[in-house]
Protein backbone atom coordinates (compact mmCIF):
# COMPACT_ATOMS: atom_id res chain seq x y z
CA UNK A 1 0.00 0.00 0.00
CA UNK A 2 1.17 3.48 -0.89
CA UNK A 3 -0.13 6.71 0.63
CA UNK A 4 -1.61 9.40 -1.61
CA UNK A 5 -2.81 12.86 -0.64
CA UNK A 6 -5.40 15.23 -2.09
CA UNK A 7 -5.88 18.35 0.00
CA UNK A 8 -6.42 17.17 3.58
CA UNK A 9 -7.35 13.61 2.57
CA UNK A 10 -4.70 10.91 2.91
CA UNK A 11 -5.54 7.48 1.55
CA UNK A 12 -3.78 4.09 1.38
CA UNK A 13 -3.83 2.94 -2.24
CA UNK A 14 -2.95 -0.52 -3.60
CA UNK A 15 -0.05 -0.69 -6.08
CA UNK A 16 -2.38 -1.55 -9.00
CA UNK A 17 -4.52 1.57 -8.53
CA UNK A 18 -1.67 4.09 -8.33
CA UNK A 19 -1.93 5.26 -11.94
CA UNK A 20 -5.60 6.20 -11.54
CA UNK A 21 -4.91 8.33 -8.49
CA UNK A 22 -2.01 10.05 -10.27
CA UNK A 23 -4.23 10.80 -13.27
CA UNK A 24 -6.84 12.32 -10.94
CA UNK A 25 -4.23 14.70 -9.48
CA UNK A 26 -3.43 12.98 -6.19
CA UNK A 27 0.13 13.44 -4.89
CA UNK A 28 2.20 10.48 -3.70
CA UNK A 29 3.54 10.81 -0.15
CA UNK A 30 7.14 9.74 0.27
CA UNK A 31 7.82 7.52 3.25
CA UNK A 32 11.08 8.15 5.05
CA UNK A 33 12.20 4.73 6.22
CA UNK A 34 15.71 5.95 7.02
CA UNK A 35 14.40 8.20 9.82
CA UNK A 36 12.52 5.30 11.40
CA UNK A 37 15.62 3.12 11.16
CA UNK A 38 17.77 5.78 12.86
CA UNK A 39 15.35 6.04 15.78
CA UNK A 40 15.52 2.29 16.41
CA UNK A 41 19.32 2.17 16.25
CA UNK A 42 19.83 5.20 18.53
CA UNK A 43 21.12 3.66 21.76
CA UNK A 44 23.12 6.53 23.21
CA UNK A 45 23.32 7.05 26.95
CA UNK A 46 22.19 10.63 27.57
CA UNK A 47 23.53 10.70 31.12
CA UNK A 48 27.10 10.00 29.97
CA UNK A 49 26.97 12.58 27.19
CA UNK A 50 25.28 15.22 29.37
CA UNK A 51 27.89 15.02 32.15
CA UNK A 52 31.09 15.50 30.23
PDB file of N, CA and C in Angstrom:
ATOM      1  N   UNK A   1       0.835  -1.180   0.000  1.00  0.00           N
ATOM      2  CA  UNK A   1       0.000   0.000   0.000  1.00  0.00           C
ATOM      3  C   UNK A   1       0.882   1.245   0.000  1.00  0.00           C
ATOM      4  N   UNK A   2       0.463   2.215  -0.760  1.00  0.00           N
ATOM      5  CA  UNK A   2       1.168   3.478  -0.888  1.00  0.00           C
ATOM      6  C   UNK A   2       0.206   4.582  -0.457  1.00  0.00           C
ATOM      7  N   UNK A   3       0.724   5.618   0.177  1.00  0.00           N
ATOM      8  CA  UNK A   3      -0.127   6.712   0.632  1.00  0.00           C
ATOM      9  C   UNK A   3      -0.168   7.818  -0.414  1.00  0.00           C
ATOM     10  N   UNK A   4      -1.391   8.279  -0.701  1.00  0.00           N
ATOM     11  CA  UNK A   4      -1.614   9.396  -1.614  1.00  0.00           C
ATOM     12  C   UNK A   4      -2.390  10.473  -0.890  1.00  0.00           C
ATOM     13  N   UNK A   5      -2.185  11.728  -1.312  1.00  0.00           N
ATOM     14  CA  UNK A   5      -2.815  12.860  -0.643  1.00  0.00           C
ATOM     15  C   UNK A   5      -3.475  13.775  -1.658  1.00  0.00           C
ATOM     16  N   UNK A   6      -4.697  14.224  -1.308  1.00  0.00           N
ATOM     17  CA  UNK A   6      -5.398  15.234  -2.095  1.00  0.00           C
ATOM     18  C   UNK A   6      -5.991  16.204  -1.094  1.00  0.00           C
ATOM     19  N   UNK A   7      -5.421  17.381  -0.988  1.00  0.00           N
ATOM     20  CA  UNK A   7      -5.879  18.351   0.004  1.00  0.00           C
ATOM     21  C   UNK A   7      -5.566  17.849   1.403  1.00  0.00           C
ATOM     22  N   UNK A   8      -6.602  17.663   2.219  1.00  0.00           N
ATOM     23  CA  UNK A   8      -6.417  17.172   3.576  1.00  0.00           C
ATOM     24  C   UNK A   8      -6.685  15.677   3.686  1.00  0.00           C
ATOM     25  N   UNK A   9      -7.009  15.035   2.567  1.00  0.00           N
ATOM     26  CA  UNK A   9      -7.351  13.611   2.570  1.00  0.00           C
ATOM     27  C   UNK A   9      -6.116  12.792   2.258  1.00  0.00           C
ATOM     28  N   UNK A  10      -5.802  11.847   3.122  1.00  0.00           N
ATOM     29  CA  UNK A  10      -4.702  10.913   2.907  1.00  0.00           C
ATOM     30  C   UNK A  10      -5.296   9.521   2.827  1.00  0.00           C
ATOM     31  N   UNK A  11      -4.921   8.768   1.801  1.00  0.00           N
ATOM     32  CA  UNK A  11      -5.541   7.476   1.555  1.00  0.00           C
ATOM     33  C   UNK A  11      -4.484   6.442   1.217  1.00  0.00           C
ATOM     34  N   UNK A  12      -4.641   5.218   1.753  1.00  0.00           N
ATOM     35  CA  UNK A  12      -3.782   4.092   1.377  1.00  0.00           C
ATOM     36  C   UNK A  12      -4.314   3.513   0.077  1.00  0.00           C
ATOM     37  N   UNK A  13      -3.434   3.389  -0.912  1.00  0.00           N
ATOM     38  CA  UNK A  13      -3.832   2.941  -2.238  1.00  0.00           C
ATOM     39  C   UNK A  13      -3.034   1.699  -2.597  1.00  0.00           C
ATOM     40  N   UNK A  14      -3.692   0.660  -3.134  1.00  0.00           N
ATOM     41  CA  UNK A  14      -2.953  -0.522  -3.596  1.00  0.00           C
ATOM     42  C   UNK A  14      -2.068  -0.185  -4.801  1.00  0.00           C
ATOM     43  N   UNK A  15      -1.011  -0.959  -4.991  1.00  0.00           N
ATOM     44  CA  UNK A  15      -0.053  -0.691  -6.079  1.00  0.00           C
ATOM     45  C   UNK A  15      -0.731  -0.656  -7.448  1.00  0.00           C
ATOM     46  N   UNK A  16      -1.723  -1.493  -7.690  1.00  0.00           N
ATOM     47  CA  UNK A  16      -2.382  -1.551  -8.995  1.00  0.00           C
ATOM     48  C   UNK A  16      -3.225  -0.334  -9.321  1.00  0.00           C
ATOM     49  N   UNK A  17      -3.644   0.414  -8.325  1.00  0.00           N
ATOM     50  CA  UNK A  17      -4.517   1.571  -8.531  1.00  0.00           C
ATOM     51  C   UNK A  17      -3.769   2.890  -8.547  1.00  0.00           C
ATOM     52  N   UNK A  18      -2.455   2.853  -8.421  1.00  0.00           N
ATOM     53  CA  UNK A  18      -1.671   4.093  -8.331  1.00  0.00           C
ATOM     54  C   UNK A  18      -1.859   4.991  -9.545  1.00  0.00           C
ATOM     55  N   UNK A  19      -1.864   4.419 -10.739  1.00  0.00           N
ATOM     56  CA  UNK A  19      -1.926   5.257 -11.942  1.00  0.00           C
ATOM     57  C   UNK A  19      -3.232   6.047 -12.013  1.00  0.00           C
ATOM     58  N   UNK A  20      -4.326   5.501 -11.499  1.00  0.00           N
ATOM     59  CA  UNK A  20      -5.601   6.201 -11.541  1.00  0.00           C
ATOM     60  C   UNK A  20      -5.608   7.387 -10.579  1.00  0.00           C
ATOM     61  N   UNK A  21      -4.991   7.227  -9.441  1.00  0.00           N
ATOM     62  CA  UNK A  21      -4.911   8.327  -8.488  1.00  0.00           C
ATOM     63  C   UNK A  21      -3.992   9.432  -9.019  1.00  0.00           C
ATOM     64  N   UNK A  22      -2.912   9.046  -9.697  1.00  0.00           N
ATOM     65  CA  UNK A  22      -2.006  10.048 -10.274  1.00  0.00           C
ATOM     66  C   UNK A  22      -2.707  10.818 -11.387  1.00  0.00           C
ATOM     67  N   UNK A  23      -3.503  10.132 -12.192  1.00  0.00           N
ATOM     68  CA  UNK A  23      -4.235  10.799 -13.270  1.00  0.00           C
ATOM     69  C   UNK A  23      -5.277  11.772 -12.720  1.00  0.00           C
ATOM     70  N   UNK A  24      -5.830  11.468 -11.553  1.00  0.00           N
ATOM     71  CA  UNK A  24      -6.839  12.324 -10.938  1.00  0.00           C
ATOM     72  C   UNK A  24      -6.226  13.514 -10.197  1.00  0.00           C
ATOM     73  N   UNK A  25      -4.893  13.554 -10.093  1.00  0.00           N
ATOM     74  CA  UNK A  25      -4.230  14.701  -9.481  1.00  0.00           C
ATOM     75  C   UNK A  25      -3.787  14.486  -8.046  1.00  0.00           C
ATOM     76  N   UNK A  26      -3.884  13.270  -7.545  1.00  0.00           N
ATOM     77  CA  UNK A  26      -3.432  12.976  -6.188  1.00  0.00           C
ATOM     78  C   UNK A  26      -1.916  12.982  -6.170  1.00  0.00           C
ATOM     79  N   UNK A  27      -1.329  13.388  -5.058  1.00  0.00           N
ATOM     80  CA  UNK A  27       0.127  13.436  -4.891  1.00  0.00           C
ATOM     81  C   UNK A  27       0.572  12.266  -4.034  1.00  0.00           C
ATOM     82  N   UNK A  28       1.659  11.612  -4.436  1.00  0.00           N
ATOM     83  CA  UNK A  28       2.205  10.480  -3.702  1.00  0.00           C
ATOM     84  C   UNK A  28       3.017  10.996  -2.524  1.00  0.00           C
ATOM     85  N   UNK A  29       2.778  10.442  -1.341  1.00  0.00           N
ATOM     86  CA  UNK A  29       3.544  10.814  -0.155  1.00  0.00           C
ATOM     87  C   UNK A  29       4.752   9.901  -0.058  1.00  0.00           C
ATOM     88  N   UNK A  30       5.910  10.503   0.129  1.00  0.00           N
ATOM     89  CA  UNK A  30       7.145   9.745   0.269  1.00  0.00           C
ATOM     90  C   UNK A  30       7.299   9.291   1.703  1.00  0.00           C
ATOM     91  N   UNK A  31       7.578   8.019   1.905  1.00  0.00           N
ATOM     92  CA  UNK A  31       7.820   7.518   3.254  1.00  0.00           C
ATOM     93  C   UNK A  31       9.312   7.580   3.517  1.00  0.00           C
ATOM     94  N   UNK A  32       9.676   8.001   4.700  1.00  0.00           N
ATOM     95  CA  UNK A  32      11.080   8.149   5.052  1.00  0.00           C
ATOM     96  C   UNK A  32      11.465   7.014   5.995  1.00  0.00           C
ATOM     97  N   UNK A  33      11.839   5.897   5.418  1.00  0.00           N
ATOM     98  CA  UNK A  33      12.202   4.733   6.216  1.00  0.00           C
ATOM     99  C   UNK A  33      13.533   4.928   6.931  1.00  0.00           C
ATOM    100  N   UNK A  34      14.410   5.752   6.390  1.00  0.00           N
ATOM    101  CA  UNK A  34      15.710   5.951   7.019  1.00  0.00           C
ATOM    102  C   UNK A  34      15.570   6.627   8.382  1.00  0.00           C
ATOM    103  N   UNK A  35      14.606   7.543   8.529  1.00  0.00           N
ATOM    104  CA  UNK A  35      14.401   8.196   9.824  1.00  0.00           C
ATOM    105  C   UNK A  35      13.918   7.196  10.860  1.00  0.00           C
ATOM    106  N   UNK A  36      13.016   6.306  10.473  1.00  0.00           N
ATOM    107  CA  UNK A  36      12.521   5.299  11.402  1.00  0.00           C
ATOM    108  C   UNK A  36      13.633   4.342  11.800  1.00  0.00           C
ATOM    109  N   UNK A  37      14.507   4.024  10.873  1.00  0.00           N
ATOM    110  CA  UNK A  37      15.620   3.122  11.161  1.00  0.00           C
ATOM    111  C   UNK A  37      16.599   3.774  12.135  1.00  0.00           C
ATOM    112  N   UNK A  38      16.851   5.069  11.965  1.00  0.00           N
ATOM    113  CA  UNK A  38      17.767   5.777  12.860  1.00  0.00           C
ATOM    114  C   UNK A  38      17.227   5.818  14.287  1.00  0.00           C
ATOM    115  N   UNK A  39      15.935   5.966  14.440  1.00  0.00           N
ATOM    116  CA  UNK A  39      15.349   6.036  15.777  1.00  0.00           C
ATOM    117  C   UNK A  39      15.499   4.707  16.505  1.00  0.00           C
ATOM    118  N   UNK A  40      15.381   3.598  15.796  1.00  0.00           N
ATOM    119  CA  UNK A  40      15.516   2.286  16.411  1.00  0.00           C
ATOM    120  C   UNK A  40      16.959   1.998  16.808  1.00  0.00           C
ATOM    121  N   UNK A  41      17.909   2.460  16.012  1.00  0.00           N
ATOM    122  CA  UNK A  41      19.315   2.173  16.249  1.00  0.00           C
ATOM    123  C   UNK A  41      19.963   3.153  17.226  1.00  0.00           C
ATOM    124  N   UNK A  42      19.267   4.186  17.641  1.00  0.00           N
ATOM    125  CA  UNK A  42      19.830   5.200  18.532  1.00  0.00           C
ATOM    126  C   UNK A  42      19.831   4.669  19.962  1.00  0.00           C
ATOM    127  N   UNK A  43      20.999   4.225  20.416  1.00  0.00           N
ATOM    128  CA  UNK A  43      21.117   3.663  21.760  1.00  0.00           C
ATOM    129  C   UNK A  43      22.167   4.422  22.566  1.00  0.00           C
ATOM    130  N   UNK A  44      22.139   5.739  22.461  1.00  0.00           N
ATOM    131  CA  UNK A  44      23.116   6.534  23.214  1.00  0.00           C
ATOM    132  C   UNK A  44      22.661   6.705  24.657  1.00  0.00           C
ATOM    133  N   UNK A  45      23.615   6.830  25.537  1.00  0.00           N
ATOM    134  CA  UNK A  45      23.316   7.051  26.954  1.00  0.00           C
ATOM    135  C   UNK A  45      23.385   8.545  27.204  1.00  0.00           C
ATOM    136  N   UNK A  46      22.237   9.166  27.424  1.00  0.00           N
ATOM    137  CA  UNK A  46      22.192  10.626  27.570  1.00  0.00           C
ATOM    138  C   UNK A  46      22.880  11.095  28.843  1.00  0.00           C
ATOM    139  N   UNK A  47      22.882  10.285  29.869  1.00  0.00           N
ATOM    140  CA  UNK A  47      23.530  10.704  31.117  1.00  0.00           C
ATOM    141  C   UNK A  47      25.035  10.830  30.927  1.00  0.00           C
ATOM    142  N   UNK A  48      25.651   9.930  30.205  1.00  0.00           N
ATOM    143  CA  UNK A  48      27.096  10.000  29.971  1.00  0.00           C
ATOM    144  C   UNK A  48      27.449  11.189  29.103  1.00  0.00           C
ATOM    145  N   UNK A  49      26.650  11.471  28.074  1.00  0.00           N
ATOM    146  CA  UNK A  49      26.968  12.580  27.190  1.00  0.00           C
ATOM    147  C   UNK A  49      26.634  13.922  27.826  1.00  0.00           C
ATOM    148  N   UNK A  50      25.663  13.958  28.738  1.00  0.00           N
ATOM    149  CA  UNK A  50      25.281  15.218  29.368  1.00  0.00           C
ATOM    150  C   UNK A  50      26.287  15.647  30.436  1.00  0.00           C
ATOM    151  N   UNK A  51      26.918  14.699  31.098  1.00  0.00           N
ATOM    152  CA  UNK A  51      27.889  15.022  32.155  1.00  0.00           C
ATOM    153  C   UNK A  51      29.299  14.785  31.650  1.00  0.00           C
ATOM    154  N   UNK A  52      29.761  15.690  30.826  1.00  0.00           N
ATOM    155  CA  UNK A  52      31.091  15.505  30.232  1.00  0.00           C
ATOM    156  C   UNK A  52      32.173  16.088  31.102  1.00  0.00           C
TER     157      UNK A  52
END
